Amino acid sequence: MGAQIRVYRQKISSTTSMRKIFKAMELIATSRIGKARTRVAASLPYANAITRAVSAVASQSEIDHPLTTEHTEVRRAAVLVMTSDRGLAGSYSASVLKQAESLLEMLRSEGKEVKAFLVGRKAQAYFDFRNRSYEKAWTGGTDAPEFATAREIGSALVKEFITGYEDGGVDEIHVVYMRFRSMVTQEPTVIRLLPLEVVEEETSNASDLLPLYEYEPEPERVLDALLPRYIESRIFAALLQAAASELAARQRAMKSAGDNATELIKKYTRLRNTARQAEITQELSEIVAGADALSAS
């Protein structure tokens, strides 16, 4: 009986220590989520402005640009998968990877080769564990992305896209990431980055007409300058959305884990008290039995 009590005491102690870790991580995520949401909101004006500019140039000029021209035959596609560097965020990375698996399966069923590019250690570990090949992985800072990372990713993807198929290039590029809707809702999302699909952000008014521009220099050179920045802004916006989603998922997961730890402590405390009461009852019974035996003799 005494051994059982010691086991419950050890469980209570270890669970209490774990609860402290969960609460600390919850507080850290809560303190960072506000800044992450602010960064997402701050990125929208620039993203909307450059989206409208690229939309206007692409729709008002009949030009053949490598980044806006649909390929007659898509034989190879690139997929950028954005996950987290750390765990303890519930099903955040698992949901993104599940969405990526569905996309990869669909592309392969269409007869397309796939080249994977990864963001986050979780995606890298997922591919490494299954011995799957990938072109490049960017790790570190997924909960606080930097624009330099988006620029590097954009340059690598654009280089793959403008390279011919015979030289190992790709015909289209997709991005899989977690879109931040609210603190309780994050949605795994797939977008086709290239060939260019000009998409306005949700905050913009779809009824507004695109502005009319006079180009100086010619539209081809304008697109040459705008499109790399547009690609970088789309990737950076996805990174910011993913970071906010990761922190929100971690905050919810840690709160749930902390609450579960509290319930476990209550359960183990009741079991310990029950075992202690049983031990006391047994001791009293032995004392009474011993007294009765002495008086009978």
Protein backbone atom coordinates (compact mmCIF):
# COMPACT_ATOMS: atom_id res chain seq x y z
CA MET A 1 0.00 0.00 0.00
CA GLY A 2 2.85 2.37 0.83
CA ALA A 3 4.44 1.69 -2.55
CA GLN A 4 1.18 2.63 -4.28
CA ILE A 5 1.05 5.93 -2.42
CA ARG A 6 4.63 6.70 -3.50
CA VAL A 7 3.68 6.01 -7.13
CA TYR A 8 0.78 8.47 -6.94
CA ARG A 9 3.02 11.08 -5.31
CA GLN A 10 5.56 10.71 -8.13
CA LYS A 11 2.80 11.04 -10.74
CA ILE A 12 1.45 14.17 -9.06
CA SER A 13 4.94 15.69 -8.92
CA SER A 14 5.76 14.95 -12.58
CA THR A 15 2.36 16.13 -13.81
CA THR A 16 2.73 19.34 -11.82
CA SER A 17 6.09 20.00 -13.47
CA MET A 18 4.60 19.35 -16.91
CA ARG A 19 1.72 21.70 -16.17
CA LYS A 20 4.20 24.47 -15.38
CA ILE A 21 5.83 23.94 -18.79
CA PHE A 22 2.44 23.95 -20.56
CA LYS A 23 1.38 27.15 -18.83
CA ALA A 24 4.69 28.85 -19.63
CA MET A 25 4.42 27.93 -23.31
CA GLU A 26 0.80 29.08 -23.38
CA LEU A 27 1.81 32.47 -21.97
CA ILE A 28 4.66 32.79 -24.49
CA ALA A 29 2.37 31.97 -27.41
CA THR A 30 -0.28 34.37 -26.10
CA SER A 31 2.25 37.19 -25.82
CA ARG A 32 3.51 36.61 -29.38
CA ILE A 33 0.22 36.08 -31.18
CA GLY A 34 -0.68 39.77 -30.93
CA LYS A 35 2.51 40.80 -32.71
CA ALA A 36 2.02 38.08 -35.33
CA ARG A 37 -1.51 39.28 -36.10
CA THR A 38 -0.25 42.86 -36.32
CA ARG A 39 2.39 41.81 -38.86
CA VAL A 40 -0.26 40.03 -40.94
CA ALA A 41 -2.45 43.15 -40.94
CA ALA A 42 0.52 45.41 -41.71
CA SER A 43 1.47 43.32 -44.75
CA LEU A 44 -1.95 43.66 -46.39
CA PRO A 45 -1.70 47.24 -47.78
CA TYR A 46 1.53 46.53 -49.68
CA ALA A 47 0.27 43.13 -50.85
CA ASN A 48 -3.00 44.67 -52.08
CA ALA A 49 -1.22 47.55 -53.84
CA ILE A 50 1.27 45.38 -55.71
CA THR A 51 -1.49 42.89 -56.55
CA ARG A 52 -3.55 45.63 -58.15
CA ALA A 53 -0.54 46.93 -60.03
CA VAL A 54 0.35 43.51 -61.42
CA SER A 55 -3.31 42.86 -62.23
CA ALA A 56 -3.55 46.10 -64.17
CA VAL A 57 -0.38 45.48 -66.16
CA ALA A 58 -1.27 41.87 -66.91
CA SER A 59 -4.86 42.62 -67.93
CA GLN A 60 -4.27 45.81 -69.94
CA SER A 61 -1.38 44.57 -72.05
CA GLU A 62 -1.27 41.60 -74.39
CA ILE A 63 2.23 40.34 -73.78
CA ASP A 64 3.83 36.95 -73.39
CA HIS A 65 5.73 36.97 -70.11
CA PRO A 66 7.31 33.77 -68.72
CA LEU A 67 5.65 34.20 -65.33
CA THR A 68 2.14 34.81 -66.68
CA THR A 69 2.01 32.38 -69.61
CA GLU A 70 0.25 29.05 -69.18
CA HIS A 71 2.21 26.05 -70.40
CA THR A 72 0.44 23.93 -73.00
CA GLU A 73 1.65 20.79 -71.20
CA VAL A 74 2.47 20.68 -67.50
CA ARG A 75 4.99 17.89 -66.94
CA ARG A 76 6.68 18.90 -63.69
CA ALA A 77 5.41 20.89 -60.69
CA ALA A 78 7.05 22.33 -57.59
CA VAL A 79 5.31 22.28 -54.21
CA LEU A 80 6.34 24.54 -51.31
CA VAL A 81 5.17 23.10 -47.96
CA MET A 82 5.14 25.40 -44.92
CA THR A 83 5.15 23.79 -41.47
CA SER A 84 6.58 24.70 -38.07
CA ASP A 85 10.04 24.22 -36.58
CA ARG A 86 8.73 23.09 -33.20
CA GLY A 87 6.00 20.80 -31.97
CA LEU A 88 3.47 21.22 -29.16
CA ALA A 89 1.10 23.01 -31.55
CA GLY A 90 -1.66 20.42 -31.75
CA SER A 91 -2.42 19.21 -35.27
CA TYR A 92 -0.95 22.30 -36.97
CA SER A 93 1.88 20.66 -38.92
CA ALA A 94 -0.04 17.40 -39.38
CA SER A 95 -2.92 19.27 -41.05
CA VAL A 96 -0.55 21.05 -43.45
CA LEU A 97 1.26 17.81 -44.30
CA LYS A 98 -2.04 16.03 -44.86
CA GLN A 99 -3.10 18.76 -47.28
CA ALA A 100 0.30 18.54 -49.00
CA GLU A 101 -0.05 14.77 -49.36
CA SER A 102 -3.44 15.22 -51.04
CA LEU A 103 -1.93 17.75 -53.46
CA LEU A 104 1.07 15.54 -54.23
CA GLU A 105 -1.18 12.56 -54.88
CA MET A 106 -3.39 14.62 -57.20
CA LEU A 107 -0.42 15.97 -59.17
CA ARG A 108 1.08 12.51 -59.58
CA SER A 109 -2.27 11.09 -60.67
CA GLU A 110 -2.24 13.70 -63.45
CA GLY A 111 1.09 12.36 -64.64
CA LYS A 112 3.20 15.22 -63.30
CA GLU A 113 6.59 14.94 -61.68
CA VAL A 114 6.88 16.73 -58.34
CA LYS A 115 9.76 18.65 -56.79
CA ALA A 116 9.28 19.49 -53.11
CA PHE A 117 10.55 22.57 -51.28
CA LEU A 118 10.10 22.64 -47.51
CA VAL A 119 9.77 25.26 -44.79
CA GLY A 120 10.08 24.12 -41.17
CA ARG A 121 11.79 21.23 -39.42
CA LYS A 122 8.54 19.26 -39.14
CA ALA A 123 8.23 19.01 -42.92
CA GLN A 124 11.91 18.15 -43.25
CA ALA A 125 11.63 15.41 -40.60
CA TYR A 126 8.48 14.08 -42.30
CA PHE A 127 10.24 13.71 -45.65
CA ASP A 128 13.48 12.39 -44.12
CA PHE A 129 11.67 9.72 -42.11
CA ARG A 130 9.96 8.43 -45.26
CA ASN A 131 13.13 8.68 -47.37
CA ARG A 132 11.48 11.13 -49.75
CA SER A 133 13.59 13.51 -51.77
CA TYR A 134 13.23 17.28 -51.66
CA GLU A 135 15.14 20.08 -53.33
CA LYS A 136 15.74 22.45 -50.42
CA ALA A 137 14.53 23.13 -46.89
CA TRP A 138 14.42 26.39 -44.94
CA THR A 139 14.34 25.98 -41.15
CA GLY A 140 14.46 28.30 -38.18
CA GLY A 141 12.17 31.18 -37.27
CA THR A 142 8.86 29.85 -38.55
CA ASP A 143 7.03 31.61 -35.70
CA ALA A 144 8.72 34.93 -36.58
CA PRO A 145 9.53 34.87 -40.34
CA GLU A 146 11.83 37.41 -41.94
CA PHE A 147 11.42 38.96 -45.39
CA ALA A 148 14.92 37.82 -46.32
CA THR A 149 13.69 34.23 -46.09
CA ALA A 150 10.75 35.02 -48.37
CA ARG A 151 13.12 36.65 -50.86
CA GLU A 152 15.40 33.60 -50.85
CA ILE A 153 12.48 31.21 -51.32
CA GLY A 154 11.01 33.38 -54.09
CA SER A 155 14.32 33.53 -55.94
CA ALA A 156 14.73 29.76 -55.78
CA LEU A 157 11.20 29.10 -57.03
CA VAL A 158 11.34 31.67 -59.84
CA LYS A 159 14.67 30.22 -60.96
CA GLU A 160 13.08 26.77 -61.12
CA PHE A 161 10.14 28.14 -63.08
CA ILE A 162 12.11 29.99 -65.74
CA THR A 163 14.41 26.99 -66.26
CA GLY A 164 13.36 24.74 -69.11
CA TYR A 165 11.86 21.32 -68.47
CA GLU A 166 14.78 19.59 -70.17
CA ASP A 167 17.16 21.32 -67.75
CA GLY A 168 15.18 20.23 -64.68
CA GLY A 169 12.81 23.21 -64.41
CA VAL A 170 9.14 23.16 -63.45
CA ASP A 171 5.99 24.25 -65.26
CA GLU A 172 3.95 25.34 -62.24
CA ILE A 173 4.44 26.10 -58.54
CA HIS A 174 2.04 25.45 -55.66
CA VAL A 175 2.21 26.60 -52.04
CA VAL A 176 0.67 24.72 -49.09
CA TYR A 177 0.33 26.68 -45.84
CA MET A 178 -2.03 27.36 -42.94
CA ARG A 179 -4.24 30.42 -43.47
CA PHE A 180 -5.07 32.38 -40.32
CA ARG A 181 -8.80 33.06 -40.06
CA SER A 182 -9.17 33.74 -36.34
CA MET A 183 -7.77 32.61 -33.01
CA VAL A 184 -9.93 29.47 -33.18
CA THR A 185 -9.94 28.84 -36.92
CA GLN A 186 -6.94 28.10 -39.12
CA GLU A 187 -7.41 26.56 -42.54
CA PRO A 188 -4.92 24.48 -44.58
CA THR A 189 -4.72 26.26 -47.93
CA VAL A 190 -3.27 25.51 -51.36
CA ILE A 191 -2.54 28.28 -53.86
CA ARG A 192 -0.97 28.12 -57.29
CA LEU A 193 1.82 30.66 -57.25
CA LEU A 194 3.01 30.31 -60.84
CA PRO A 195 1.94 30.68 -63.62
CA LEU A 196 0.58 33.84 -62.15
CA GLU A 197 -2.90 33.75 -60.71
CA VAL A 198 -3.61 37.33 -59.69
CA VAL A 199 -5.76 37.14 -56.56
CA GLU A 200 -6.89 40.11 -54.49
CA GLU A 201 -6.69 39.82 -50.73
CA GLU A 202 -9.99 39.35 -48.92
CA THR A 203 -9.89 42.84 -47.44
CA SER A 204 -10.01 44.51 -50.84
CA ASN A 205 -13.23 45.55 -52.54
CA ALA A 206 -13.78 43.26 -55.49
CA SER A 207 -16.14 45.76 -57.15
CA ASP A 208 -13.39 48.36 -57.57
CA LEU A 209 -12.11 48.76 -61.09
CA LEU A 210 -8.43 48.30 -61.74
CA PRO A 211 -6.56 51.58 -62.26
CA LEU A 212 -5.47 52.57 -65.74
CA TYR A 213 -1.70 52.99 -66.02
CA GLU A 214 0.50 54.56 -68.63
CA TYR A 215 3.69 52.53 -68.76
CA GLU A 216 7.16 53.96 -68.77
CA PRO A 217 9.09 51.92 -69.77
CA GLU A 218 7.15 49.31 -71.78
CA PRO A 219 4.88 46.74 -70.00
CA GLU A 220 7.42 43.90 -70.40
CA ARG A 221 10.02 45.74 -68.32
CA VAL A 222 7.37 46.78 -65.80
CA LEU A 223 6.39 43.14 -65.32
CA ASP A 224 10.04 42.13 -65.07
CA ALA A 225 10.38 44.52 -62.13
CA LEU A 226 6.99 43.89 -60.47
CA LEU A 227 6.60 40.13 -60.67
CA PRO A 228 9.58 39.12 -58.49
CA ARG A 229 8.37 41.54 -55.82
CA TYR A 230 4.86 40.21 -56.19
CA ILE A 231 6.04 36.62 -55.73
CA GLU A 232 8.10 37.61 -52.68
CA SER A 233 5.13 39.45 -51.15
CA ARG A 234 2.83 36.45 -51.69
CA ILE A 235 5.35 34.09 -50.07
CA PHE A 236 6.00 36.47 -47.18
CA ALA A 237 2.25 36.90 -46.63
CA ALA A 238 1.90 33.09 -46.52
CA LEU A 239 4.78 32.86 -44.02
CA LEU A 240 3.14 35.48 -41.79
CA GLN A 241 -0.22 33.72 -41.99
CA ALA A 242 1.47 30.43 -41.12
CA ALA A 243 3.30 32.00 -38.16
CA ALA A 244 0.10 33.46 -36.72
CA SER A 245 -1.65 30.11 -37.21
CA GLU A 246 1.19 28.25 -35.50
CA LEU A 247 1.11 30.51 -32.44
CA ALA A 248 -2.68 30.33 -32.20
CA ALA A 249 -2.59 26.53 -32.48
CA ARG A 250 0.16 26.30 -29.85
CA GLN A 251 -1.73 28.60 -27.48
CA ARG A 252 -4.86 26.42 -27.73
CA ALA A 253 -2.90 23.17 -27.47
CA MET A 254 -0.98 24.32 -24.39
CA LYS A 255 -4.14 25.58 -22.69
CA SER A 256 -5.82 22.23 -23.32
CA ALA A 257 -2.74 20.35 -22.10
CA GLY A 258 -2.59 22.50 -18.95
CA ASP A 259 -6.27 21.88 -18.21
CA ASN A 260 -5.80 18.14 -18.74
CA ALA A 261 -2.79 18.17 -16.41
CA THR A 262 -4.90 19.87 -13.73
CA GLU A 263 -7.55 17.18 -14.05
CA LEU A 264 -4.91 14.45 -13.82
CA ILE A 265 -3.50 16.00 -10.65
CA LYS A 266 -6.98 16.01 -9.12
CA LYS A 267 -7.47 12.38 -10.13
CA TYR A 268 -4.11 11.25 -8.75
CA THR A 269 -4.72 13.21 -5.54
CA ARG A 270 -8.05 11.42 -5.00
CA LEU A 271 -6.43 8.04 -5.68
CA ARG A 272 -3.58 8.86 -3.30
CA ASN A 273 -6.02 9.89 -0.58
CA THR A 274 -8.06 6.74 -1.15
CA ALA A 275 -4.94 4.60 -0.91
CA ARG A 276 -3.85 6.45 2.23
CA GLN A 277 -7.27 5.97 3.79
CA ALA A 278 -7.18 2.27 2.96
CA GLU A 279 -3.73 2.04 4.55
CA ILE A 280 -4.94 3.73 7.74
CA THR A 281 -7.99 1.49 7.87
CA GLN A 282 -5.81 -1.60 7.49
CA GLU A 283 -3.47 -0.40 10.24
CA LEU A 284 -6.41 0.23 12.59
CA SER A 285 -7.81 -3.21 11.80
CA GLU A 286 -4.47 -4.83 12.60
CA ILE A 287 -4.21 -2.89 15.89
CA VAL A 288 -7.73 -3.89 16.93
CA ALA A 289 -7.10 -7.51 15.96
CA GLY A 290 -3.86 -7.51 17.94
CA ALA A 291 -5.58 -6.00 21.00
CA ASP A 292 -8.36 -8.59 20.81
CA ALA A 293 -5.79 -11.39 20.61
CA LEU A 294 -3.93 -10.08 23.68
CA SER A 295 -7.11 -9.71 25.74
CA ALA A 296 -8.26 -13.20 24.78
CA SER A 297 -5.00 -14.70 25.95
